[in-house]
Amino acid sequence: MKIQAKSREHFRHFLPIATRWMDNDAYGHVNNVVYYSWFDTVVNQFLIAHRVLDIEQSQVIGLVIETQCNYFASVAFPDTIVAGLAVSKLGNSSVRYELGIFKENESQASAQGHFVHVYVDREQRRPAPIPDAMRHLLMSIQSDKHD
């Protein structure tokens, strides 16, 4: 099954990110590991900006248990990208984030993937229910598009 690039309309939150000189690799494009950094950045920026995650104090924290990315078009410094975010599955203690990386003015993703967080008690590292405020925020970016 061929995976198709998603459009911006699939995503509910967007974060512009400037590429850096150091993001390019020897092949002249952004190295694949940088995409995962962008995924992590857009998820955590969203949670922190909406005050449902305090990286130093929150009782419950999200641990990544799964990531995946597909690449469709090269991105290179000095491009500005826009990272798109949506939630496709929201469980009791886990969430699957859908992510898209778009060149600044393009409507189709240059790359897309997902990130699964399991929320755990900070001290015990055992699964814990997603706090109500976070759950309501995550529900606000749930995607009903499955393209």
Protein backbone atom coordinates (compact mmCIF):
# COMPACT_ATOMS: atom_id res chain seq x y z
CA MET A 1 0.00 0.00 0.00
CA LYS A 2 1.48 3.31 -1.09
CA ILE A 3 1.34 5.99 1.60
CA GLN A 4 0.09 9.36 0.38
CA ALA A 5 1.24 12.73 1.71
CA LYS A 6 -1.41 14.35 3.89
CA SER A 7 -2.66 17.88 3.35
CA ARG A 8 -2.60 20.67 5.91
CA GLU A 9 -6.35 20.27 6.50
CA HIS A 10 -5.62 16.96 8.27
CA PHE A 11 -3.86 18.82 11.10
CA ARG A 12 -5.28 21.04 13.84
CA HIS A 13 -2.26 22.89 15.30
CA PHE A 14 0.73 24.38 13.49
CA LEU A 15 4.17 25.56 14.57
CA PRO A 16 6.60 27.37 12.23
CA ILE A 17 10.20 26.19 12.70
CA ALA A 18 13.31 27.64 11.04
CA THR A 19 15.77 25.09 9.75
CA ARG A 20 19.38 25.54 10.84
CA TRP A 21 22.63 25.20 8.91
CA MET A 22 23.55 22.22 11.08
CA ASP A 23 20.31 20.39 10.13
CA ASN A 24 21.64 19.66 6.63
CA ASP A 25 23.68 16.52 6.13
CA ALA A 26 26.37 15.66 3.59
CA TYR A 27 23.67 15.01 0.97
CA GLY A 28 22.44 18.62 1.13
CA HIS A 29 19.10 18.08 2.84
CA VAL A 30 17.81 17.95 6.41
CA ASN A 31 18.92 14.71 8.03
CA ASN A 32 16.16 12.27 9.00
CA VAL A 33 16.86 12.51 12.75
CA VAL A 34 15.94 16.21 12.70
CA TYR A 35 12.37 15.35 11.71
CA TYR A 36 11.93 13.43 14.96
CA SER A 37 13.20 16.47 16.84
CA TRP A 38 10.56 18.58 15.09
CA PHE A 39 7.89 16.03 16.04
CA ASP A 40 8.95 16.22 19.68
CA THR A 41 9.09 20.02 19.54
CA VAL A 42 5.59 20.57 18.16
CA VAL A 43 3.98 18.11 20.61
CA ASN A 44 5.70 19.52 23.68
CA GLN A 45 5.32 23.16 22.59
CA PHE A 46 1.57 22.59 22.25
CA LEU A 47 1.24 20.98 25.69
CA ILE A 48 3.48 23.52 27.45
CA ALA A 49 1.92 26.58 25.74
CA HIS A 50 -1.53 25.43 26.87
CA ARG A 51 -0.25 24.84 30.42
CA VAL A 52 -1.15 21.17 30.64
CA LEU A 53 2.49 20.07 30.90
CA ASP A 54 5.15 21.42 33.23
CA ILE A 55 8.33 19.57 32.27
CA GLU A 56 9.75 19.94 35.79
CA GLN A 57 6.67 19.57 37.99
CA SER A 58 3.85 17.64 36.30
CA GLN A 59 2.86 14.46 38.16
CA VAL A 60 2.23 12.70 34.84
CA ILE A 61 4.69 12.74 31.93
CA GLY A 62 4.55 11.30 28.42
CA LEU A 63 7.10 8.70 27.35
CA VAL A 64 7.52 7.94 23.65
CA ILE A 65 6.90 4.27 22.91
CA GLU A 66 6.60 4.42 19.12
CA THR A 67 7.62 6.73 16.29
CA GLN A 68 7.40 6.50 12.52
CA CYS A 69 8.09 8.84 9.62
CA ASN A 70 7.61 8.78 5.85
CA TYR A 71 9.46 11.20 3.59
CA PHE A 72 8.02 12.62 0.37
CA ALA A 73 10.13 15.67 -0.53
CA SER A 74 13.46 17.07 0.62
CA VAL A 75 13.71 19.97 3.03
CA ALA A 76 16.96 21.92 3.32
CA PHE A 77 18.40 24.92 5.12
CA PRO A 78 17.36 27.77 4.84
CA ASP A 79 13.75 26.54 4.47
CA THR A 80 11.22 27.45 7.09
CA ILE A 81 8.95 24.53 7.80
CA VAL A 82 5.58 24.32 9.48
CA ALA A 83 4.97 21.34 11.74
CA GLY A 84 1.35 20.19 11.83
CA LEU A 85 -0.15 18.28 14.75
CA ALA A 86 -3.35 16.30 15.29
CA VAL A 87 -4.49 13.49 17.59
CA SER A 88 -5.76 10.33 15.91
CA LYS A 89 -6.25 8.12 18.96
CA LEU A 90 -6.81 9.03 22.58
CA GLY A 91 -6.82 6.27 25.16
CA ASN A 92 -6.88 6.21 28.95
CA SER A 93 -3.11 6.65 29.33
CA SER A 94 -1.89 6.92 25.75
CA VAL A 95 -2.21 9.21 22.76
CA ARG A 96 -1.22 8.86 19.14
CA TYR A 97 -0.12 12.13 17.60
CA GLU A 98 -0.14 12.56 13.83
CA LEU A 99 2.53 14.92 12.54
CA GLY A 100 3.19 16.60 9.24
CA ILE A 101 6.17 18.62 8.09
CA PHE A 102 5.34 21.20 5.44
CA LYS A 103 7.53 23.59 3.51
CA GLU A 104 6.37 27.08 4.39
CA ASN A 105 3.85 27.62 1.57
CA GLU A 106 3.08 24.06 0.49
CA SER A 107 -0.19 22.27 1.14
CA GLN A 108 1.11 18.67 0.97
CA ALA A 109 3.43 17.24 3.62
CA SER A 110 7.12 16.85 2.78
CA ALA A 111 7.19 14.28 5.59
CA GLN A 112 4.64 12.84 7.99
CA GLY A 113 4.50 10.35 10.76
CA HIS A 114 3.26 9.59 14.21
CA PHE A 115 4.40 9.64 17.79
CA VAL A 116 2.78 7.58 20.56
CA HIS A 117 3.08 8.78 24.14
CA VAL A 118 2.16 6.66 27.13
CA TYR A 119 1.54 8.86 30.12
CA VAL A 120 3.12 7.65 33.32
CA ASP A 121 3.46 8.74 36.92
CA ARG A 122 6.68 10.78 37.08
CA GLU A 123 8.03 8.90 40.12
CA GLN A 124 6.81 5.34 39.61
CA ARG A 125 7.00 5.30 35.78
CA ARG A 126 3.80 3.27 35.66
CA PRO A 127 0.94 4.11 33.27
CA ALA A 128 -1.37 6.80 34.61
CA PRO A 129 -4.59 8.30 33.27
CA ILE A 130 -4.17 11.37 31.12
CA PRO A 131 -5.15 14.34 33.34
CA ASP A 132 -8.53 15.90 32.54
CA ALA A 133 -7.15 19.28 31.40
CA MET A 134 -4.73 17.56 29.03
CA ARG A 135 -7.43 15.18 27.77
CA HIS A 136 -9.74 18.10 26.92
CA LEU A 137 -6.92 19.89 25.11
CA LEU A 138 -6.01 16.76 23.13
CA MET A 139 -9.65 16.27 22.18
CA SER A 140 -9.61 19.77 20.69
CA ILE A 141 -7.06 18.67 18.06
CA GLN A 142 -8.51 15.26 17.21
CA SER A 143 -8.60 14.70 13.50
CA ASP A 144 -11.59 13.24 11.75
CA LYS A 145 -9.67 13.02 8.47
CA HIS A 146 -8.06 9.72 7.57
CA ASP A 147 -6.40 10.60 4.26
